[in-house]
Amino acid sequence: MSFKQARAFHPGLAWLIHQRPYRDTSALCEFFTQDHGRISVIVLNCRSKKRRALLIPFQPLWIEVKGEGGLKMLTQIESEGPALRLMGASSFCGLYLNELILKTLTQTDPTSEIFMAYQHALKTLSAQPHQQASTLRHFEMTLLEQLGYALPFHQLKNPEAYYEYSLEQGFIEYTIPADTRLSYDTLKAIEQRNWSTPQQARASKYLMRQAIQAALHDQTLQARTLWQPVEIA
C-alpha cells in the first residue's frame, strides 16, 4: 500500500529523538510517541521555517502520519507547548536519553511506562538541573525493567557479602571487598532507588553502565565518547 492510499493517524504526543538528511529537502526522523512507541517517519520539506522550528529536541509535538509498515510519512506537525529548556549539562543528559531510546527500543516494544519515565526525566532535567544523576538513574532502571533486563536483586542473599555484577551471571558473591565489588547494603539501597549518598551515587552509575550493555546489544553510546568534556551524570 502506498502512502497516498494509507489512512492518516495520530500516534499521540511525540518527541523527536533523532533525525538525518533524506534526499534533497527531506529528513528521516525518529519520534518517540505516546501511543505507538518509537516510529520512523519521512518528513518532506523539512527546510521550511515552520518545520525547522519544530524539529528540535525536547519540543513536545502533535503529529499526524501515514503508513502501514515500519516507515511512515509525516502529514501534519504542530507544537504541543513550549520546548523544554535544558541548559548546559542537562542538555547533554537529555540527548543521552534520546540515544538510549534510539538504540534500545524496537518499533514493537511496549513503551507506555518508558514514555512516562522519559517525559518525567526531561521535565526534571529542565526544572531541577541539580538532580541530573538521580534523574538518569531513575530512567535507566525503568528502561531496563520494561525491556526485560531488570537487575537480579533477588540474588542478594548475604548481608555480610560483597557482590560483583556480571551480564552473564548476575550478582556474584564474594567475602572480600574489591574496587569492582559493591556491598549488600549499597545494592539494596539501589534496588529501592536510593542513591542519596556519594557512595550510592557512584555505585549506581557504575552498575547502570554495566547493565545497559545488555540492552544495547554491543552498540556504542556516542554520548559517552563525543561529550567527554561535559561529564554525563
Foldseek 3Di string as FASTA:
>chain_A
DDQVPFDKDWQAKKFWLDWDDDPDQKIWTWIAHQRQGIAIEIEGNCVDPVNVVQNDGQFIKTWMWGDDDRYIYTDDIDGPDDGQDQDDLLVLLLSLLSLLSVQQDDRPADCNQLVVLNVVLSNCNRPPVVCQLLSSLVNLQSVCVSSVLHQPLVPLDDQQWWWAQDSVPGTDTDNDDDPRTHGNVLVVCVVVSHQPDPVNSVNSVVVSVRSSCVSNVPDDRVSVVVPVVRDRD
